[in-house]
């Protein structure tokens, strides 16, 4: 299945009575790579969770390849092709790597797990290890691989590099590059490692207080050091 487009319009959402997102709107073309940046607490994680159907939506819409999925549950959105890898490396630590991956197959043949091992060779070496025996980086690879096995047409990645060693970050970003280059997946990446995010993305969005403060290309952002300093708090 080819990559899908994503269109967000007038999206307001939060948790219970607390609004976090206000009137957020943007689109990502099929096969696009969008990096979502911003300081902590600005709504990036809530945005991905809302697209995935895991928050309270007060208004606006989420469209996947033109189809409105706003009223669907998170599980229904997943069946429509929306893949979500949240923060926290949510794996089954009492199961082996292979058992974790089996959960992600969603009815596909068992030999499809080889796709995950091709993308993350470290997992192939540890296929019989329990999730609890993996390093933080390997757990992130496993969480990502399990979602990818479901063949999402849009993949949401929430800070996959958080707390990981540089060599593991490089391996993960290389895998995301290969995945995007194959043309089957549109990727939204929330990440605090700005250089890695800019090297990956073809579009960049910066959030501030639950709204979009800036959107453009990585080159355009590089040419605006004052924007980087003002919205991200880091020097050029």
Protein backbone atom coordinates (compact mmCIF):
# COMPACT_ATOMS: atom_id res chain seq x y z
CA UNK A 1 0.00 0.00 0.00
CA UNK A 2 1.50 3.40 -0.94
CA UNK A 3 2.06 6.21 1.53
CA UNK A 4 -0.96 8.31 2.46
CA UNK A 5 -1.39 12.06 2.77
CA UNK A 6 -2.36 13.61 6.10
CA UNK A 7 -4.48 16.74 6.48
CA UNK A 8 -5.14 18.44 9.81
CA UNK A 9 -7.65 21.31 9.95
CA UNK A 10 -8.71 23.51 12.89
CA UNK A 11 -7.66 20.88 15.41
CA UNK A 12 -8.27 21.65 19.09
CA UNK A 13 -7.70 18.92 21.65
CA UNK A 14 -6.45 18.06 25.11
CA UNK A 15 -7.06 15.90 28.17
CA UNK A 16 -10.37 16.13 30.03
CA UNK A 17 -11.20 19.82 30.44
CA UNK A 18 -7.64 20.93 29.68
CA UNK A 19 -7.07 22.23 26.17
CA UNK A 20 -3.54 21.80 24.86
CA UNK A 21 -3.94 22.29 21.10
CA UNK A 22 -5.74 25.29 19.61
CA UNK A 23 -6.71 25.60 15.95
CA UNK A 24 -3.84 23.55 14.54
CA UNK A 25 -3.84 23.05 10.78
CA UNK A 26 -1.27 21.65 8.34
CA UNK A 27 -0.88 18.97 5.69
CA UNK A 28 1.76 16.43 4.76
CA UNK A 29 1.90 15.07 1.23
CA UNK A 30 2.02 11.31 0.68
CA UNK A 31 5.60 10.17 1.28
CA UNK A 32 6.50 13.41 3.07
CA UNK A 33 8.82 13.75 6.05
CA UNK A 34 7.71 16.33 8.61
CA UNK A 35 9.83 17.19 11.66
CA UNK A 36 7.87 18.72 14.55
CA UNK A 37 10.03 20.80 16.86
CA UNK A 38 9.47 22.95 19.93
CA UNK A 39 10.41 23.35 23.56
CA UNK A 40 9.07 20.90 26.13
CA UNK A 41 5.39 21.30 26.98
CA UNK A 42 4.42 23.05 23.74
CA UNK A 43 1.99 20.40 22.51
CA UNK A 44 4.08 18.19 20.22
CA UNK A 45 3.29 14.90 21.98
CA UNK A 46 -0.37 15.88 22.34
CA UNK A 47 -0.52 16.56 18.61
CA UNK A 48 0.69 13.07 17.70
CA UNK A 49 -1.55 11.47 20.33
CA UNK A 50 -4.53 13.42 18.95
CA UNK A 51 -3.81 12.34 15.39
CA UNK A 52 -3.65 8.78 16.72
CA UNK A 53 -7.03 9.17 18.45
CA UNK A 54 -5.80 9.10 22.04
CA UNK A 55 -6.90 12.48 23.40
CA UNK A 56 -10.14 14.44 23.67
CA UNK A 57 -10.87 16.35 20.46
CA UNK A 58 -12.83 19.59 20.88
CA UNK A 59 -12.93 20.54 17.21
CA UNK A 60 -11.28 20.19 13.84
CA UNK A 61 -10.54 17.21 11.66
CA UNK A 62 -7.95 14.58 10.84
CA UNK A 63 -7.99 13.24 7.29
CA UNK A 64 -5.98 10.27 6.06
CA UNK A 65 -5.70 10.24 2.27
CA UNK A 66 -8.78 12.45 2.14
CA UNK A 67 -10.90 10.23 4.42
CA UNK A 68 -12.04 11.86 7.67
CA UNK A 69 -10.97 9.65 10.59
CA UNK A 70 -11.70 12.24 13.30
CA UNK A 71 -14.55 10.26 14.83
CA UNK A 72 -12.73 6.93 14.82
CA UNK A 73 -11.10 5.22 17.79
CA UNK A 74 -7.34 4.79 17.92
CA UNK A 75 -7.62 1.13 16.97
CA UNK A 76 -9.83 1.96 13.99
CA UNK A 77 -7.34 4.58 12.82
CA UNK A 78 -4.57 2.00 13.08
CA UNK A 79 -6.55 -0.31 10.81
CA UNK A 80 -6.86 2.59 8.35
CA UNK A 81 -3.06 2.82 8.18
CA UNK A 82 -2.04 5.13 11.01
CA UNK A 83 0.99 3.88 12.94
CA UNK A 84 1.98 5.47 16.27
CA UNK A 85 5.18 4.91 18.26
CA UNK A 86 4.73 6.90 21.49
CA UNK A 87 7.38 7.96 23.97
CA UNK A 88 8.37 5.41 26.56
CA UNK A 89 9.28 2.39 24.39
CA UNK A 90 6.02 0.59 25.01
CA UNK A 91 7.00 -3.04 24.50
CA UNK A 92 6.02 -6.25 26.30
CA UNK A 93 9.08 -6.74 28.49
CA UNK A 94 8.07 -10.26 29.55
CA UNK A 95 7.89 -11.43 25.91
CA UNK A 96 10.76 -12.16 23.55
CA UNK A 97 11.67 -9.92 20.66
CA UNK A 98 10.01 -12.36 18.27
CA UNK A 99 6.84 -12.54 20.36
CA UNK A 100 6.66 -8.74 20.47
CA UNK A 101 6.99 -8.57 16.71
CA UNK A 102 4.33 -11.23 16.22
CA UNK A 103 1.85 -8.90 17.96
CA UNK A 104 2.53 -6.29 15.28
CA UNK A 105 1.84 -8.53 12.29
CA UNK A 106 -1.92 -7.82 12.29
CA UNK A 107 -2.75 -11.00 10.41
CA UNK A 108 0.25 -10.93 8.06
CA UNK A 109 2.30 -14.09 7.52
CA UNK A 110 4.85 -14.85 10.23
CA UNK A 111 7.73 -14.63 7.76
CA UNK A 112 6.94 -10.91 7.36
CA UNK A 113 8.94 -10.46 10.57
CA UNK A 114 12.04 -10.67 8.40
CA UNK A 115 11.21 -7.12 7.25
CA UNK A 116 11.78 -5.92 10.83
CA UNK A 117 15.06 -7.82 11.08
CA UNK A 118 16.25 -6.36 7.77
CA UNK A 119 15.53 -2.85 9.02
CA UNK A 120 17.04 -3.46 12.48
CA UNK A 121 19.70 -6.23 12.32
CA UNK A 122 20.29 -5.88 16.08
CA UNK A 123 16.84 -7.33 16.66
CA UNK A 124 17.64 -10.39 14.55
CA UNK A 125 20.62 -11.08 16.81
CA UNK A 126 18.39 -10.80 19.88
CA UNK A 127 15.20 -12.40 18.60
CA UNK A 128 15.00 -14.82 21.54
CA UNK A 129 15.88 -12.24 24.21
CA UNK A 130 13.17 -10.92 26.49
CA UNK A 131 12.19 -7.29 26.11
CA UNK A 132 13.54 -6.65 29.60
CA UNK A 133 16.99 -7.84 28.45
CA UNK A 134 17.28 -5.22 25.71
CA UNK A 135 19.05 -1.88 25.98
CA UNK A 136 17.01 1.31 25.71
CA UNK A 137 18.00 1.71 22.08
CA UNK A 138 17.05 -1.87 21.24
CA UNK A 139 13.70 -1.42 22.97
CA UNK A 140 13.10 1.66 20.79
CA UNK A 141 13.97 -0.35 17.68
CA UNK A 142 11.57 -3.08 18.78
CA UNK A 143 8.71 -0.64 19.46
CA UNK A 144 9.26 0.95 16.06
CA UNK A 145 9.63 -2.35 14.21
CA UNK A 146 6.46 -3.77 15.77
CA UNK A 147 4.47 -0.77 14.49
CA UNK A 148 6.08 -0.88 11.04
CA UNK A 149 5.09 -4.54 10.59
CA UNK A 150 1.48 -3.36 10.47
CA UNK A 151 2.37 -1.58 7.19
CA UNK A 152 1.26 1.93 8.25
CA UNK A 153 0.85 4.45 5.46
CA UNK A 154 1.43 7.28 7.98
CA UNK A 155 3.89 6.78 10.84
CA UNK A 156 4.00 9.00 13.95
CA UNK A 157 7.28 8.90 15.89
CA UNK A 158 7.43 10.64 19.27
CA UNK A 159 11.01 11.41 20.35
CA UNK A 160 12.51 8.07 19.29
CA UNK A 161 16.06 9.26 20.06
CA UNK A 162 15.39 10.34 23.63
CA UNK A 163 18.17 9.28 26.01
CA UNK A 164 19.99 7.11 23.48
CA UNK A 165 23.67 6.89 22.63
CA UNK A 166 24.78 8.66 19.43
CA UNK A 167 25.57 5.40 17.59
CA UNK A 168 22.06 4.07 18.29
CA UNK A 169 20.54 7.39 17.20
CA UNK A 170 22.43 7.09 13.91
CA UNK A 171 21.12 3.54 13.37
CA UNK A 172 17.54 4.59 14.06
CA UNK A 173 17.70 7.63 11.77
CA UNK A 174 19.26 5.53 9.00
CA UNK A 175 16.36 3.07 9.33
CA UNK A 176 13.82 5.92 9.15
CA UNK A 177 15.58 7.21 6.04
CA UNK A 178 15.34 3.79 4.36
CA UNK A 179 11.71 3.49 5.33
CA UNK A 180 10.84 6.91 3.91
CA UNK A 181 12.90 6.37 0.77
CA UNK A 182 10.90 3.23 -0.04
CA UNK A 183 7.91 5.50 -0.69
CA UNK A 184 5.38 3.50 1.33
CA UNK A 185 5.29 5.64 4.46
CA UNK A 186 4.61 9.27 5.34
CA UNK A 187 6.55 10.10 8.52
CA UNK A 188 5.93 12.70 11.24
CA UNK A 189 8.88 12.94 13.64
CA UNK A 190 8.79 14.76 16.97
CA UNK A 191 12.37 15.14 18.13
CA UNK A 192 14.52 17.27 20.44
CA UNK A 193 17.74 16.48 18.54
CA UNK A 194 17.31 19.30 16.08
CA UNK A 195 20.20 18.48 13.75
CA UNK A 196 19.06 14.89 13.27
CA UNK A 197 15.48 16.04 12.67
CA UNK A 198 16.49 18.68 10.10
CA UNK A 199 18.74 16.22 8.25
CA UNK A 200 15.81 13.82 7.94
CA UNK A 201 12.89 16.12 7.13
CA UNK A 202 11.71 17.82 3.97
CA UNK A 203 9.40 20.10 5.99
CA UNK A 204 9.69 21.49 9.52
CA UNK A 205 7.02 22.73 11.91
CA UNK A 206 7.67 24.48 15.22
CA UNK A 207 5.01 24.50 17.94
CA UNK A 208 4.58 27.02 20.72
CA UNK A 209 1.86 26.91 23.37
CA UNK A 210 -0.28 24.45 21.45
CA UNK A 211 -0.21 26.33 18.16
CA UNK A 212 1.94 26.31 15.03
CA UNK A 213 4.50 29.10 15.34
CA UNK A 214 6.51 28.42 12.17
CA UNK A 215 6.45 26.05 9.20
CA UNK A 216 8.80 25.74 6.24
CA UNK A 217 11.75 23.79 4.89
CA UNK A 218 14.92 22.87 6.79
CA UNK A 219 16.91 25.26 4.58
CA UNK A 220 14.51 28.10 5.36
CA UNK A 221 14.87 27.45 9.09
CA UNK A 222 18.66 27.30 8.82
CA UNK A 223 18.52 30.76 7.23
CA UNK A 224 16.59 32.16 10.21
CA UNK A 225 18.86 31.80 13.28
CA UNK A 226 16.72 34.32 15.18
CA UNK A 227 13.69 32.04 14.74
CA UNK A 228 15.68 29.07 16.03
CA UNK A 229 16.78 31.08 19.07
CA UNK A 230 13.33 32.52 19.78
CA UNK A 231 11.28 29.35 19.37
CA UNK A 232 13.74 26.61 20.25
CA UNK A 233 16.11 28.39 22.60
CA UNK A 234 19.29 27.13 20.98
CA UNK A 235 21.99 28.95 19.07
CA UNK A 236 22.30 28.58 15.31
